[in-house]
Amino acid sequence: MYYNYRTWNTGGHQTEPQIPEETKSMWKHVAEKGNWRIVELPNGYFQTECKDIEKEDLWKDVTRRETIEGAERAIDSSIDHYKKKLKSIEGPKVVKTFQ
């Protein structure tokens, strides 16, 4: 049986690709619920929008849902997704050490 694994740091050099700071900033921005809003469209659907990271008066549409509850669930799912991405770039976390 062959087992393949990857580590975050071997021999003093980085083995995982580096995430650009611009990407990290965007992930942090969209992980904050205060940067989101829901608008009702003329057709009765609800659109989720995220505030632009550079221009605070500009909102970018993300998804459309039939209900306001569905729109808020979509926002919450997006926030959870980006929080997980941010947590993953922290690297491995020791959860137990054996002696």
PDB file of N, CA and C in Angstrom:
ATOM      1  N   MET A   1       0.848  -1.175   0.000  1.00  0.00           N
ATOM      2  CA  MET A   1       0.000   0.000   0.000  1.00  0.00           C
ATOM      3  C   MET A   1       0.893   1.239   0.000  1.00  0.00           C
ATOM      4  N   TYR A   2       0.537   2.186  -0.835  1.00  0.00           N
ATOM      5  CA  TYR A   2       1.291   3.427  -0.959  1.00  0.00           C
ATOM      6  C   TYR A   2       0.537   4.538  -0.247  1.00  0.00           C
ATOM      7  N   TYR A   3       1.210   5.302   0.576  1.00  0.00           N
ATOM      8  CA  TYR A   3       0.596   6.397   1.300  1.00  0.00           C
ATOM      9  C   TYR A   3       1.324   7.683   0.944  1.00  0.00           C
ATOM     10  N   ASN A   4       0.577   8.670   0.514  1.00  0.00           N
ATOM     11  CA  ASN A   4       1.152   9.951   0.140  1.00  0.00           C
ATOM     12  C   ASN A   4       0.649  11.012   1.107  1.00  0.00           C
ATOM     13  N   TYR A   5       1.533  11.882   1.548  1.00  0.00           N
ATOM     14  CA  TYR A   5       1.114  12.953   2.434  1.00  0.00           C
ATOM     15  C   TYR A   5       1.884  14.220   2.095  1.00  0.00           C
ATOM     16  N   ARG A   6       1.343  15.335   2.547  1.00  0.00           N
ATOM     17  CA  ARG A   6       1.990  16.621   2.347  1.00  0.00           C
ATOM     18  C   ARG A   6       2.093  17.315   3.697  1.00  0.00           C
ATOM     19  N   THR A   7       3.130  18.087   3.884  1.00  0.00           N
ATOM     20  CA  THR A   7       3.284  18.854   5.110  1.00  0.00           C
ATOM     21  C   THR A   7       3.367  20.328   4.762  1.00  0.00           C
ATOM     22  N   TRP A   8       3.123  21.160   5.748  1.00  0.00           N
ATOM     23  CA  TRP A   8       3.186  22.605   5.540  1.00  0.00           C
ATOM     24  C   TRP A   8       4.611  23.106   5.507  1.00  0.00           C
ATOM     25  N   ASN A   9       5.483  22.462   6.246  1.00  0.00           N
ATOM     26  CA  ASN A   9       6.851  22.965   6.298  1.00  0.00           C
ATOM     27  C   ASN A   9       7.795  21.776   6.475  1.00  0.00           C
ATOM     28  N   THR A  10       8.687  21.603   5.518  1.00  0.00           N
ATOM     29  CA  THR A  10       9.658  20.524   5.590  1.00  0.00           C
ATOM     30  C   THR A  10      11.036  21.121   5.321  1.00  0.00           C
ATOM     31  N   GLY A  11      11.942  20.916   6.242  1.00  0.00           N
ATOM     32  CA  GLY A  11      13.317  21.357   6.028  1.00  0.00           C
ATOM     33  C   GLY A  11      13.494  22.854   5.928  1.00  0.00           C
ATOM     34  N   GLY A  12      12.591  23.627   6.523  1.00  0.00           N
ATOM     35  CA  GLY A  12      12.765  25.069   6.540  1.00  0.00           C
ATOM     36  C   GLY A  12      12.241  25.787   5.313  1.00  0.00           C
ATOM     37  N   HIS A  13      11.638  25.085   4.373  1.00  0.00           N
ATOM     38  CA  HIS A  13      11.089  25.794   3.220  1.00  0.00           C
ATOM     39  C   HIS A  13       9.589  25.508   3.102  1.00  0.00           C
ATOM     40  N   GLN A  14       8.884  26.441   2.533  1.00  0.00           N
ATOM     41  CA  GLN A  14       7.430  26.335   2.410  1.00  0.00           C
ATOM     42  C   GLN A  14       7.075  25.376   1.279  1.00  0.00           C
ATOM     43  N   THR A  15       6.222  24.389   1.574  1.00  0.00           N
ATOM     44  CA  THR A  15       5.850  23.416   0.552  1.00  0.00           C
ATOM     45  C   THR A  15       4.469  23.698  -0.032  1.00  0.00           C
ATOM     46  N   GLU A  16       3.665  24.491   0.654  1.00  0.00           N
ATOM     47  CA  GLU A  16       2.335  24.836   0.166  1.00  0.00           C
ATOM     48  C   GLU A  16       2.403  26.178  -0.563  1.00  0.00           C
ATOM     49  N   PRO A  17       1.567  26.368  -1.576  1.00  0.00           N
ATOM     50  CA  PRO A  17       1.574  27.657  -2.270  1.00  0.00           C
ATOM     51  C   PRO A  17       1.123  28.781  -1.339  1.00  0.00           C
ATOM     52  N   GLN A  18       1.730  29.927  -1.492  1.00  0.00           N
ATOM     53  CA  GLN A  18       1.375  31.093  -0.687  1.00  0.00           C
ATOM     54  C   GLN A  18       0.115  31.754  -1.243  1.00  0.00           C
ATOM     55  N   ILE A  19      -0.788  32.161  -0.354  1.00  0.00           N
ATOM     56  CA  ILE A  19      -2.000  32.867  -0.744  1.00  0.00           C
ATOM     57  C   ILE A  19      -1.653  34.355  -0.782  1.00  0.00           C
ATOM     58  N   PRO A  20      -1.924  35.035  -1.898  1.00  0.00           N
ATOM     59  CA  PRO A  20      -1.613  36.470  -1.976  1.00  0.00           C
ATOM     60  C   PRO A  20      -2.378  37.264  -0.917  1.00  0.00           C
ATOM     61  N   GLU A  21      -1.768  38.315  -0.396  1.00  0.00           N
ATOM     62  CA  GLU A  21      -2.399  39.161   0.621  1.00  0.00           C
ATOM     63  C   GLU A  21      -3.719  39.745   0.119  1.00  0.00           C
ATOM     64  N   GLU A  22      -3.786  40.068  -1.161  1.00  0.00           N
ATOM     65  CA  GLU A  22      -5.020  40.606  -1.752  1.00  0.00           C
ATOM     66  C   GLU A  22      -6.168  39.603  -1.609  1.00  0.00           C
ATOM     67  N   THR A  23      -5.873  38.341  -1.829  1.00  0.00           N
ATOM     68  CA  THR A  23      -6.881  37.287  -1.693  1.00  0.00           C
ATOM     69  C   THR A  23      -7.291  37.128  -0.239  1.00  0.00           C
ATOM     70  N   LYS A  24      -6.326  37.139   0.671  1.00  0.00           N
ATOM     71  CA  LYS A  24      -6.640  37.029   2.100  1.00  0.00           C
ATOM     72  C   LYS A  24      -7.532  38.184   2.544  1.00  0.00           C
ATOM     73  N   SER A  25      -7.234  39.395   2.068  1.00  0.00           N
ATOM     74  CA  SER A  25      -8.043  40.568   2.417  1.00  0.00           C
ATOM     75  C   SER A  25      -9.472  40.411   1.924  1.00  0.00           C
ATOM     76  N   MET A  26      -9.626  39.886   0.707  1.00  0.00           N
ATOM     77  CA  MET A  26     -10.963  39.675   0.160  1.00  0.00           C
ATOM     78  C   MET A  26     -11.711  38.645   0.986  1.00  0.00           C
ATOM     79  N   TRP A  27     -11.059  37.547   1.357  1.00  0.00           N
ATOM     80  CA  TRP A  27     -11.696  36.513   2.173  1.00  0.00           C
ATOM     81  C   TRP A  27     -12.152  37.083   3.507  1.00  0.00           C
ATOM     82  N   LYS A  28     -11.303  37.903   4.152  1.00  0.00           N
ATOM     83  CA  LYS A  28     -11.674  38.519   5.426  1.00  0.00           C
ATOM     84  C   LYS A  28     -12.867  39.448   5.244  1.00  0.00           C
ATOM     85  N   HIS A  29     -12.875  40.188   4.155  1.00  0.00           N
ATOM     86  CA  HIS A  29     -13.955  41.136   3.869  1.00  0.00           C
ATOM     87  C   HIS A  29     -15.291  40.417   3.714  1.00  0.00           C
ATOM     88  N   VAL A  30     -15.336  39.366   2.904  1.00  0.00           N
ATOM     89  CA  VAL A  30     -16.604  38.665   2.664  1.00  0.00           C
ATOM     90  C   VAL A  30     -17.002  37.763   3.824  1.00  0.00           C
ATOM     91  N   ALA A  31     -16.101  37.519   4.767  1.00  0.00           N
ATOM     92  CA  ALA A  31     -16.424  36.710   5.941  1.00  0.00           C
ATOM     93  C   ALA A  31     -17.120  37.534   7.029  1.00  0.00           C
ATOM     94  N   GLU A  32     -17.261  38.846   6.811  1.00  0.00           N
ATOM     95  CA  GLU A  32     -17.939  39.733   7.759  1.00  0.00           C
ATOM     96  C   GLU A  32     -19.365  40.009   7.266  1.00  0.00           C
ATOM     97  N   LYS A  33     -20.356  39.648   8.088  1.00  0.00           N
ATOM     98  CA  LYS A  33     -21.754  39.802   7.674  1.00  0.00           C
ATOM     99  C   LYS A  33     -22.130  41.267   7.442  1.00  0.00           C
ATOM    100  N   GLY A  34     -21.461  42.192   8.105  1.00  0.00           N
ATOM    101  CA  GLY A  34     -21.734  43.614   7.916  1.00  0.00           C
ATOM    102  C   GLY A  34     -21.413  44.116   6.518  1.00  0.00           C
ATOM    103  N   ASN A  35     -20.701  43.331   5.738  1.00  0.00           N
ATOM    104  CA  ASN A  35     -20.371  43.711   4.359  1.00  0.00           C
ATOM    105  C   ASN A  35     -21.368  43.147   3.352  1.00  0.00           C
ATOM    106  N   TRP A  36     -22.472  42.622   3.836  1.00  0.00           N
ATOM    107  CA  TRP A  36     -23.499  42.018   2.983  1.00  0.00           C
ATOM    108  C   TRP A  36     -24.825  42.748   3.135  1.00  0.00           C
ATOM    109  N   ARG A  37     -25.659  42.629   2.106  1.00  0.00           N
ATOM    110  CA  ARG A  37     -27.026  43.113   2.194  1.00  0.00           C
ATOM    111  C   ARG A  37     -27.906  42.297   1.255  1.00  0.00           C
ATOM    112  N   ILE A  38     -29.223  42.422   1.466  1.00  0.00           N
ATOM    113  CA  ILE A  38     -30.211  41.752   0.615  1.00  0.00           C
ATOM    114  C   ILE A  38     -31.112  42.836   0.053  1.00  0.00           C
ATOM    115  N   VAL A  39     -31.337  42.801  -1.248  1.00  0.00           N
ATOM    116  CA  VAL A  39     -32.262  43.750  -1.888  1.00  0.00           C
ATOM    117  C   VAL A  39     -33.359  42.964  -2.589  1.00  0.00           C
ATOM    118  N   GLU A  40     -34.553  43.553  -2.609  1.00  0.00           N
ATOM    119  CA  GLU A  40     -35.665  42.926  -3.332  1.00  0.00           C
ATOM    120  C   GLU A  40     -35.695  43.483  -4.746  1.00  0.00           C
ATOM    121  N   LEU A  41     -35.739  42.589  -5.710  1.00  0.00           N
ATOM    122  CA  LEU A  41     -35.762  42.967  -7.120  1.00  0.00           C
ATOM    123  C   LEU A  41     -37.201  43.191  -7.585  1.00  0.00           C
ATOM    124  N   PRO A  42     -37.399  43.901  -8.701  1.00  0.00           N
ATOM    125  CA  PRO A  42     -38.751  44.155  -9.209  1.00  0.00           C
ATOM    126  C   PRO A  42     -39.550  42.873  -9.487  1.00  0.00           C
ATOM    127  N   ASN A  43     -38.863  41.764  -9.785  1.00  0.00           N
ATOM    128  CA  ASN A  43     -39.562  40.508 -10.083  1.00  0.00           C
ATOM    129  C   ASN A  43     -39.930  39.726  -8.823  1.00  0.00           C
ATOM    130  N   GLY A  44     -39.646  40.303  -7.637  1.00  0.00           N
ATOM    131  CA  GLY A  44     -40.001  39.654  -6.385  1.00  0.00           C
ATOM    132  C   GLY A  44     -38.909  38.775  -5.796  1.00  0.00           C
ATOM    133  N   TYR A  45     -37.841  38.545  -6.550  1.00  0.00           N
ATOM    134  CA  TYR A  45     -36.720  37.757  -6.025  1.00  0.00           C
ATOM    135  C   TYR A  45     -35.861  38.633  -5.118  1.00  0.00           C
ATOM    136  N   PHE A  46     -35.015  37.977  -4.336  1.00  0.00           N
ATOM    137  CA  PHE A  46     -34.114  38.680  -3.434  1.00  0.00           C
ATOM    138  C   PHE A  46     -32.686  38.439  -3.877  1.00  0.00           C
ATOM    139  N   GLN A  47     -31.924  39.507  -3.931  1.00  0.00           N
ATOM    140  CA  GLN A  47     -30.545  39.429  -4.403  1.00  0.00           C
ATOM    141  C   GLN A  47     -29.594  39.711  -3.241  1.00  0.00           C
ATOM    142  N   THR A  48     -28.593  38.839  -3.077  1.00  0.00           N
ATOM    143  CA  THR A  48     -27.558  39.098  -2.085  1.00  0.00           C
ATOM    144  C   THR A  48     -26.466  39.918  -2.746  1.00  0.00           C
ATOM    145  N   GLU A  49     -25.960  40.884  -2.000  1.00  0.00           N
ATOM    146  CA  GLU A  49     -24.906  41.746  -2.513  1.00  0.00           C
ATOM    147  C   GLU A  49     -23.832  41.920  -1.453  1.00  0.00           C
ATOM    148  N   CYS A  50     -22.612  42.033  -1.923  1.00  0.00           N
ATOM    149  CA  CYS A  50     -21.476  42.241  -1.026  1.00  0.00           C
ATOM    150  C   CYS A  50     -20.842  43.589  -1.364  1.00  0.00           C
ATOM    151  N   LYS A  51     -20.508  44.339  -0.310  1.00  0.00           N
ATOM    152  CA  LYS A  51     -19.881  45.648  -0.482  1.00  0.00           C
ATOM    153  C   LYS A  51     -18.515  45.466  -1.138  1.00  0.00           C
ATOM    154  N   ASP A  52     -18.221  46.308  -2.103  1.00  0.00           N
ATOM    155  CA  ASP A  52     -16.916  46.275  -2.763  1.00  0.00           C
ATOM    156  C   ASP A  52     -15.830  46.593  -1.741  1.00  0.00           C
ATOM    157  N   ILE A  53     -14.729  45.880  -1.835  1.00  0.00           N
ATOM    158  CA  ILE A  53     -13.656  46.047  -0.855  1.00  0.00           C
ATOM    159  C   ILE A  53     -12.948  47.399  -1.000  1.00  0.00           C
ATOM    160  N   GLU A  54     -12.959  47.980  -2.193  1.00  0.00           N
ATOM    161  CA  GLU A  54     -12.262  49.246  -2.417  1.00  0.00           C
ATOM    162  C   GLU A  54     -13.211  50.450  -2.428  1.00  0.00           C
ATOM    163  N   LYS A  55     -14.398  50.275  -3.012  1.00  0.00           N
ATOM    164  CA  LYS A  55     -15.365  51.372  -3.119  1.00  0.00           C
ATOM    165  C   LYS A  55     -16.567  51.043  -2.249  1.00  0.00           C
ATOM    166  N   GLU A  56     -16.661  51.680  -1.081  1.00  0.00           N
ATOM    167  CA  GLU A  56     -17.699  51.337  -0.118  1.00  0.00           C
ATOM    168  C   GLU A  56     -19.109  51.633  -0.609  1.00  0.00           C
ATOM    169  N   ASP A  57     -19.264  52.528  -1.592  1.00  0.00           N
ATOM    170  CA  ASP A  57     -20.602  52.844  -2.097  1.00  0.00           C
ATOM    171  C   ASP A  57     -21.013  51.926  -3.256  1.00  0.00           C
ATOM    172  N   LEU A  58     -20.171  50.941  -3.583  1.00  0.00           N
ATOM    173  CA  LEU A  58     -20.455  50.004  -4.669  1.00  0.00           C
ATOM    174  C   LEU A  58     -20.760  48.622  -4.089  1.00  0.00           C
ATOM    175  N   TRP A  59     -21.869  48.040  -4.522  1.00  0.00           N
ATOM    176  CA  TRP A  59     -22.272  46.707  -4.076  1.00  0.00           C
ATOM    177  C   TRP A  59     -22.268  45.771  -5.272  1.00  0.00           C
ATOM    178  N   LYS A  60     -21.731  44.576  -5.075  1.00  0.00           N
ATOM    179  CA  LYS A  60     -21.653  43.583  -6.155  1.00  0.00           C
ATOM    180  C   LYS A  60     -22.674  42.482  -5.900  1.00  0.00           C
ATOM    181  N   ASP A  61     -23.480  42.169  -6.927  1.00  0.00           N
ATOM    182  CA  ASP A  61     -24.470  41.109  -6.766  1.00  0.00           C
ATOM    183  C   ASP A  61     -23.784  39.756  -6.747  1.00  0.00           C
ATOM    184  N   VAL A  62     -24.318  38.867  -5.900  1.00  0.00           N
ATOM    185  CA  VAL A  62     -23.704  37.556  -5.727  1.00  0.00           C
ATOM    186  C   VAL A  62     -24.676  36.450  -6.115  1.00  0.00           C
ATOM    187  N   THR A  63     -25.841  36.406  -5.476  1.00  0.00           N
ATOM    188  CA  THR A  63     -26.822  35.359  -5.797  1.00  0.00           C
ATOM    189  C   THR A  63     -28.228  35.932  -5.775  1.00  0.00           C
ATOM    190  N   ARG A  64     -29.164  35.168  -6.342  1.00  0.00           N
ATOM    191  CA  ARG A  64     -30.586  35.515  -6.277  1.00  0.00           C
ATOM    192  C   ARG A  64     -31.339  34.338  -5.688  1.00  0.00           C
ATOM    193  N   ARG A  65     -32.299  34.655  -4.830  1.00  0.00           N
ATOM    194  CA  ARG A  65     -33.106  33.625  -4.185  1.00  0.00           C
ATOM    195  C   ARG A  65     -34.577  34.029  -4.222  1.00  0.00           C
ATOM    196  N   GLU A  66     -35.447  33.038  -4.075  1.00  0.00           N
ATOM    197  CA  GLU A  66     -36.888  33.294  -4.108  1.00  0.00           C
ATOM    198  C   GLU A  66     -37.410  33.908  -2.825  1.00  0.00           C
ATOM    199  N   THR A  67     -36.741  33.638  -1.698  1.00  0.00           N
ATOM    200  CA  THR A  67     -37.203  34.150  -0.408  1.00  0.00           C
ATOM    201  C   THR A  67     -36.080  34.895   0.293  1.00  0.00           C
ATOM    202  N   ILE A  68     -36.469  35.770   1.196  1.00  0.00           N
ATOM    203  CA  ILE A  68     -35.471  36.505   1.965  1.00  0.00           C
ATOM    204  C   ILE A  68     -34.706  35.545   2.886  1.00  0.00           C
ATOM    205  N   GLU A  69     -35.404  34.518   3.381  1.00  0.00           N
ATOM    206  CA  GLU A  69     -34.746  33.513   4.227  1.00  0.00           C
ATOM    207  C   GLU A  69     -33.690  32.742   3.436  1.00  0.00           C
ATOM    208  N   GLY A  70     -34.029  32.407   2.194  1.00  0.00           N
ATOM    209  CA  GLY A  70     -33.069  31.716   1.330  1.00  0.00           C
ATOM    210  C   GLY A  70     -31.869  32.584   1.025  1.00  0.00           C
ATOM    211  N   ALA A  71     -32.106  33.882   0.849  1.00  0.00           N
ATOM    212  CA  ALA A  71     -31.004  34.809   0.577  1.00  0.00           C
ATOM    213  C   ALA A  71     -30.079  34.906   1.791  1.00  0.00           C
ATOM    214  N   GLU A  72     -30.677  34.978   2.987  1.00  0.00           N
ATOM    215  CA  GLU A  72     -29.832  35.065   4.179  1.00  0.00           C
ATOM    216  C   GLU A  72     -29.057  33.774   4.407  1.00  0.00           C
ATOM    217  N   ARG A  73     -29.676  32.634   4.118  1.00  0.00           N
ATOM    218  CA  ARG A  73     -28.941  31.362   4.227  1.00  0.00           C
ATOM    219  C   ARG A  73     -27.766  31.328   3.253  1.00  0.00           C
ATOM    220  N   ALA A  74     -27.964  31.883   2.049  1.00  0.00           N
ATOM    221  CA  ALA A  74     -26.879  31.928   1.061  1.00  0.00           C
ATOM    222  C   ALA A  74     -25.728  32.789   1.575  1.00  0.00           C
ATOM    223  N   ILE A  75     -26.052  33.913   2.207  1.00  0.00           N
ATOM    224  CA  ILE A  75     -25.011  34.774   2.780  1.00  0.00           C
ATOM    225  C   ILE A  75     -24.276  34.031   3.889  1.00  0.00           C
ATOM    226  N   ASP A  76     -25.038  33.413   4.791  1.00  0.00           N
ATOM    227  CA  ASP A  76     -24.414  32.675   5.897  1.00  0.00           C
ATOM    228  C   ASP A  76     -23.509  31.552   5.385  1.00  0.00           C
ATOM    229  N   SER A  77     -23.936  30.879   4.324  1.00  0.00           N
ATOM    230  CA  SER A  77     -23.110  29.815   3.733  1.00  0.00           C
ATOM    231  C   SER A  77     -21.824  30.383   3.149  1.00  0.00           C
ATOM    232  N   SER A  78     -21.921  31.525   2.494  1.00  0.00           N
ATOM    233  CA  SER A  78     -20.729  32.169   1.934  1.00  0.00           C
ATOM    234  C   SER A  78     -19.769  32.571   3.042  1.00  0.00           C
ATOM    235  N   ILE A  79     -20.309  33.137   4.115  1.00  0.00           N
ATOM    236  CA  ILE A  79     -19.476  33.552   5.245  1.00  0.00           C
ATOM    237  C   ILE A  79     -18.770  32.340   5.845  1.00  0.00           C
ATOM    238  N   ASP A  80     -19.505  31.248   6.060  1.00  0.00           N
ATOM    239  CA  ASP A  80     -18.889  30.023   6.596  1.00  0.00           C
ATOM    240  C   ASP A  80     -17.788  29.504   5.679  1.00  0.00           C
ATOM    241  N   HIS A  81     -18.048  29.537   4.378  1.00  0.00           N
ATOM    242  CA  HIS A  81     -17.065  29.068   3.395  1.00  0.00           C
ATOM    243  C   HIS A  81     -15.756  29.855   3.508  1.00  0.00           C
ATOM    244  N   TYR A  82     -15.856  31.185   3.555  1.00  0.00           N
ATOM    245  CA  TYR A  82     -14.642  31.999   3.604  1.00  0.00           C
ATOM    246  C   TYR A  82     -13.966  31.942   4.964  1.00  0.00           C
ATOM    247  N   LYS A  83     -14.716  31.747   6.035  1.00  0.00           N
ATOM    248  CA  LYS A  83     -14.090  31.557   7.347  1.00  0.00           C
ATOM    249  C   LYS A  83     -13.264  30.266   7.361  1.00  0.00           C
ATOM    250  N   LYS A  84     -13.777  29.219   6.699  1.00  0.00           N
ATOM    251  CA  LYS A  84     -13.020  27.966   6.604  1.00  0.00           C
ATOM    252  C   LYS A  84     -11.744  28.164   5.793  1.00  0.00           C
ATOM    253  N   LYS A  85     -11.828  28.939   4.716  1.00  0.00           N
ATOM    254  CA  LYS A  85     -10.646  29.215   3.903  1.00  0.00           C
ATOM    255  C   LYS A  85      -9.595  29.954   4.737  1.00  0.00           C
ATOM    256  N   LEU A  86     -10.041  30.945   5.523  1.00  0.00           N
ATOM    257  CA  LEU A  86      -9.114  31.685   6.371  1.00  0.00           C
ATOM    258  C   LEU A  86      -8.476  30.787   7.415  1.00  0.00           C
ATOM    259  N   LYS A  87      -9.265  29.896   7.983  1.00  0.00           N
ATOM    260  CA  LYS A  87      -8.730  28.979   8.990  1.00  0.00           C
ATOM    261  C   LYS A  87      -7.709  28.028   8.364  1.00  0.00           C
ATOM    262  N   SER A  88      -7.947  27.613   7.131  1.00  0.00           N
ATOM    263  CA  SER A  88      -7.039  26.660   6.484  1.00  0.00           C
ATOM    264  C   SER A  88      -5.661  27.253   6.207  1.00  0.00           C
ATOM    265  N   ILE A  89      -5.584  28.554   5.999  1.00  0.00           N
ATOM    266  CA  ILE A  89      -4.273  29.151   5.710  1.00  0.00           C
ATOM    267  C   ILE A  89      -3.441  29.340   6.971  1.00  0.00           C
ATOM    268  N   GLU A  90      -4.050  29.117   8.137  1.00  0.00           N
ATOM    269  CA  GLU A  90      -3.292  29.186   9.385  1.00  0.00           C
ATOM    270  C   GLU A  90      -2.360  27.987   9.529  1.00  0.00           C
ATOM    271  N   GLY A  91      -2.620  26.944   8.757  1.00  0.00           N
ATOM    272  CA  GLY A  91      -1.790  25.753   8.821  1.00  0.00           C
ATOM    273  C   GLY A  91      -2.338  24.745   9.810  1.00  0.00           C
ATOM    274  N   PRO A  92      -1.622  23.658   9.962  1.00  0.00           N
ATOM    275  CA  PRO A  92      -2.090  22.605  10.863  1.00  0.00           C
ATOM    276  C   PRO A  92      -2.137  23.077  12.319  1.00  0.00           C
ATOM    277  N   LYS A  93      -3.033  22.499  13.049  1.00  0.00           N
ATOM    278  CA  LYS A  93      -3.194  22.817  14.463  1.00  0.00           C
ATOM    279  C   LYS A  93      -2.985  21.527  15.260  1.00  0.00           C
ATOM    280  N   VAL A  94      -2.065  21.563  16.207  1.00  0.00           N
ATOM    281  CA  VAL A  94      -1.810  20.386  17.058  1.00  0.00           C
ATOM    282  C   VAL A  94      -3.013  20.203  17.961  1.00  0.00           C
ATOM    283  N   VAL A  95      -3.625  19.030  17.904  1.00  0.00           N
ATOM    284  CA  VAL A  95      -4.779  18.744  18.751  1.00  0.00           C
ATOM    285  C   VAL A  95      -4.474  17.744  19.848  1.00  0.00           C
ATOM    286  N   LYS A  96      -3.374  17.002  19.689  1.00  0.00           N
ATOM    287  CA  LYS A  96      -2.981  16.056  20.718  1.00  0.00           C
ATOM    288  C   LYS A  96      -1.523  15.673  20.514  1.00  0.00           C
ATOM    289  N   THR A  97      -0.790  15.579  21.615  1.00  0.00           N
ATOM    290  CA  THR A  97       0.607  15.168  21.574  1.00  0.00           C
ATOM    291  C   THR A  97       0.760  13.938  22.454  1.00  0.00           C
ATOM    292  N   PHE A  98       1.503  12.938  21.954  1.00  0.00           N
ATOM    293  CA  PHE A  98       1.718  11.699  22.690  1.00  0.00           C
ATOM    294  C   PHE A  98       3.128  11.648  23.233  1.00  0.00           C
ATOM    295  N   GLN A  99       3.284  10.948  24.361  1.00  0.00           N
ATOM    296  CA  GLN A  99       4.616  10.803  24.948  1.00  0.00           C
ATOM    297  C   GLN A  99       4.968   9.344  25.046  1.00  0.00           C
TER     298      GLN A  99
END
